[in-house]
Amino acid sequence: MGSPIYQKPHILQKLLLSLKRLDAEGKELAYFFIDDNEDERSSQMLEDFSQEQNNVKLLESNQSDVYVCNGTTHYWNENLVWKVADFKNMIIEHAIKEQYDYLFLIDSDLLLYPQTINQLISANKDITSNIFWTKWQPDAEERPQVWLYDEYTQWEISRGQALTDSEINTRYQSFIRQMRTPGS
């Protein structure tokens, strides 16, 4: 399992607890976390986790960026997107080098169901994903944490293509139906 971690302590605590509760019978789990935290308490929680669990690799990012997350939403910019992509590439390269059977990339604000690993493996696919649904704003509808082109586009569109609001809505609804259909 791998994740870049930039998280508030009270949220990170819940992720780490859910990792400890995963059903891993018959499997050996390894973790690779890139510590990108500003809050020293979160960094200490990762260090504590690495002392309590086997096979935990921690790497300090030594990068500093402004990532704004308030009580309403998250604000991404292109630099942050590429920074996280680079971190995930490092995790992928590590998994290849270590010849792991599986790689599970996770976000640091998730709670994992204890059977998550078993569910993913049982799909018997080269690449699979659980779709996490969330609300980006308190009164908004749930949306899948899946994007097609950038950090928010959830409809098919070709480069340079102009769509009407009606076309966007039709394509968005088609995408949402696809995300709700297992195996698609």
Protein backbone atom coordinates (compact mmCIF):
# COMPACT_ATOMS: atom_id res chain seq x y z
CA MET A 1 0.00 0.00 0.00
CA GLY A 2 1.28 3.40 -0.83
CA SER A 3 0.24 6.95 -0.23
CA PRO A 4 1.57 10.46 -0.17
CA ILE A 5 0.41 11.79 3.21
CA TYR A 6 -0.56 15.41 3.82
CA GLN A 7 -3.24 15.15 6.43
CA LYS A 8 -4.68 16.58 9.62
CA PRO A 9 -3.92 14.36 12.63
CA HIS A 10 -7.55 13.54 13.51
CA ILE A 11 -8.22 12.32 9.95
CA LEU A 12 -4.90 10.48 9.55
CA GLN A 13 -5.57 8.65 12.82
CA LYS A 14 -8.73 7.16 11.32
CA LEU A 15 -6.93 6.00 8.15
CA LEU A 16 -4.17 4.33 10.15
CA LEU A 17 -6.70 2.60 12.39
CA SER A 18 -8.57 1.30 9.32
CA LEU A 19 -5.27 -0.03 7.92
CA LYS A 20 -4.64 -1.91 11.15
CA ARG A 21 -8.11 -3.46 10.89
CA LEU A 22 -7.71 -4.78 7.34
CA ASP A 23 -8.27 -8.51 6.91
CA ALA A 24 -4.87 -9.59 5.63
CA GLU A 25 -4.96 -13.25 6.61
CA GLY A 26 -2.62 -15.17 4.33
CA LYS A 27 -1.16 -11.95 2.92
CA GLU A 28 1.90 -9.96 3.86
CA LEU A 29 1.23 -6.24 3.70
CA ALA A 30 3.90 -3.61 3.12
CA TYR A 31 3.43 0.13 3.30
CA PHE A 32 5.19 3.02 1.59
CA PHE A 33 4.20 6.47 2.84
CA ILE A 34 5.63 9.74 1.61
CA ASP A 35 5.38 12.15 4.52
CA ASP A 36 4.38 15.51 3.06
CA ASN A 37 2.83 16.78 6.30
CA GLU A 38 3.13 20.27 7.67
CA ASP A 39 1.75 19.21 11.04
CA GLU A 40 4.44 17.46 13.07
CA ARG A 41 1.76 15.44 14.91
CA SER A 42 0.81 13.75 11.63
CA SER A 43 4.45 12.97 10.90
CA GLN A 44 4.78 11.48 14.38
CA MET A 45 1.69 9.33 13.81
CA LEU A 46 3.32 7.89 10.68
CA GLU A 47 6.51 7.22 12.62
CA ASP A 48 4.50 5.50 15.38
CA PHE A 49 2.66 3.39 12.77
CA SER A 50 6.00 2.35 11.28
CA GLN A 51 7.16 1.17 14.71
CA GLU A 52 3.95 -0.79 15.38
CA GLN A 53 3.63 -2.49 11.96
CA ASN A 54 5.98 -4.59 9.86
CA ASN A 55 7.25 -3.55 6.43
CA VAL A 56 6.68 0.21 6.63
CA LYS A 57 8.84 2.52 4.52
CA LEU A 58 8.65 6.24 5.28
CA LEU A 59 10.12 8.90 3.02
CA GLU A 60 10.08 12.61 3.83
CA SER A 61 9.01 14.69 0.86
CA ASN A 62 11.02 17.79 1.82
CA GLN A 63 8.69 19.83 -0.37
CA SER A 64 6.50 22.70 0.71
CA ASP A 65 3.39 23.75 -1.16
CA VAL A 66 0.24 25.56 -0.21
CA TYR A 67 -2.70 23.17 -0.24
CA VAL A 68 -5.90 24.76 0.97
CA CYS A 69 -8.54 22.51 2.46
CA ASN A 70 -11.27 24.14 4.46
CA GLY A 71 -14.56 22.96 5.92
CA THR A 72 -16.23 23.24 2.53
CA THR A 73 -13.87 21.96 -0.17
CA HIS A 74 -10.30 21.31 -1.37
CA TYR A 75 -8.42 23.62 -3.71
CA TRP A 76 -6.05 21.94 -6.18
CA ASN A 77 -3.68 23.61 -8.58
CA GLU A 78 -1.58 22.12 -11.37
CA ASN A 79 1.63 22.11 -9.30
CA LEU A 80 -0.05 20.08 -6.54
CA VAL A 81 -1.51 17.61 -9.04
CA TRP A 82 1.93 16.97 -10.57
CA LYS A 83 3.60 16.77 -7.16
CA VAL A 84 1.19 14.04 -6.07
CA ALA A 85 1.59 12.30 -9.45
CA ASP A 86 5.37 12.30 -8.95
CA PHE A 87 4.94 10.85 -5.44
CA LYS A 88 2.69 8.10 -6.79
CA ASN A 89 5.21 7.35 -9.55
CA MET A 90 7.86 6.90 -6.85
CA ILE A 91 5.56 4.45 -5.05
CA ILE A 92 4.92 2.54 -8.29
CA GLU A 93 8.65 2.35 -9.01
CA HIS A 94 9.27 1.03 -5.49
CA ALA A 95 6.60 -1.66 -5.90
CA ILE A 96 8.15 -2.77 -9.20
CA LYS A 97 11.64 -2.82 -7.73
CA GLU A 98 10.50 -4.88 -4.74
CA GLN A 99 8.48 -7.18 -7.05
CA TYR A 100 5.28 -6.93 -5.04
CA ASP A 101 2.32 -8.97 -6.26
CA TYR A 102 -0.08 -6.04 -5.86
CA LEU A 103 -0.03 -2.28 -5.37
CA PHE A 104 -2.84 -0.42 -3.66
CA LEU A 105 -2.60 3.36 -3.90
CA ILE A 106 -4.71 5.05 -1.25
CA ASP A 107 -5.61 8.59 -0.28
CA SER A 108 -4.92 9.72 3.25
CA ASP A 109 -8.52 10.72 3.95
CA LEU A 110 -10.10 7.30 3.44
CA LEU A 111 -11.51 4.76 5.81
CA LEU A 112 -11.03 1.29 4.42
CA TYR A 113 -13.54 -1.47 4.98
CA PRO A 114 -11.76 -4.48 6.56
CA GLN A 115 -12.44 -6.64 3.45
CA THR A 116 -11.12 -4.07 0.95
CA ILE A 117 -7.94 -5.99 0.08
CA ASN A 118 -9.83 -9.26 -0.35
CA GLN A 119 -12.43 -7.53 -2.55
CA LEU A 120 -9.79 -6.05 -4.84
CA ILE A 121 -7.86 -9.32 -5.17
CA SER A 122 -11.05 -11.32 -5.80
CA ALA A 123 -11.72 -9.25 -8.93
CA ASN A 124 -8.84 -11.24 -10.51
CA LYS A 125 -7.92 -8.33 -12.81
CA ASP A 126 -4.54 -6.83 -13.67
CA ILE A 127 -5.85 -3.39 -12.69
CA THR A 128 -8.85 -2.74 -10.50
CA SER A 129 -10.15 -0.03 -8.23
CA ASN A 130 -12.77 0.56 -5.65
CA ILE A 131 -14.63 3.75 -6.41
CA PHE A 132 -14.93 6.11 -3.50
CA TRP A 133 -17.93 8.41 -3.52
CA THR A 134 -17.79 11.75 -1.74
CA LYS A 135 -19.35 15.17 -1.46
CA TRP A 136 -16.98 18.01 -2.31
CA GLN A 137 -19.30 20.47 -0.63
CA PRO A 138 -21.74 19.75 2.21
CA ASP A 139 -24.96 20.22 0.19
CA ALA A 140 -23.68 18.72 -3.08
CA GLU A 141 -24.56 15.32 -4.54
CA GLU A 142 -22.17 12.41 -4.04
CA ARG A 143 -19.65 12.03 -6.85
CA PRO A 144 -17.09 9.35 -7.62
CA GLN A 145 -13.48 10.28 -6.98
CA VAL A 146 -12.65 9.57 -10.61
CA TRP A 147 -11.71 12.16 -13.22
CA LEU A 148 -11.19 11.77 -16.92
CA TYR A 149 -8.90 14.69 -17.79
CA ASP A 150 -8.14 17.05 -14.97
CA GLU A 151 -9.03 17.35 -11.31
CA TYR A 152 -12.79 17.78 -11.87
CA THR A 153 -13.97 16.81 -15.39
CA GLN A 154 -16.36 13.87 -15.24
CA TRP A 155 -17.60 13.74 -18.83
CA GLU A 156 -16.09 12.75 -22.17
CA ILE A 157 -14.69 15.67 -24.13
CA SER A 158 -12.07 15.95 -26.86
CA ARG A 159 -9.30 18.53 -26.72
CA GLY A 160 -10.61 21.83 -28.03
CA GLN A 161 -14.20 20.57 -28.19
CA ALA A 162 -16.93 23.01 -27.12
CA LEU A 163 -20.01 21.53 -25.48
CA THR A 164 -23.32 23.07 -24.51
CA ASP A 165 -24.52 22.77 -20.93
CA SER A 166 -27.05 20.19 -22.12
CA GLU A 167 -24.34 18.07 -23.80
CA ILE A 168 -22.17 18.28 -20.68
CA ASN A 169 -25.09 17.16 -18.51
CA THR A 170 -25.92 14.22 -20.81
CA ARG A 171 -22.30 13.07 -20.86
CA TYR A 172 -21.93 13.59 -17.10
CA GLN A 173 -25.03 11.45 -16.40
CA SER A 174 -23.66 8.73 -18.70
CA PHE A 175 -20.35 8.79 -16.81
CA ILE A 176 -22.14 8.54 -13.43
CA ARG A 177 -24.19 5.54 -14.67
CA GLN A 178 -20.96 3.87 -15.81
CA MET A 179 -19.33 4.46 -12.41
CA ARG A 180 -22.32 2.86 -10.66
CA THR A 181 -22.05 -0.27 -12.86
CA PRO A 182 -19.58 -2.80 -11.39
CA GLY A 183 -16.92 -3.98 -13.82
CA SER A 184 -17.38 -1.18 -16.33
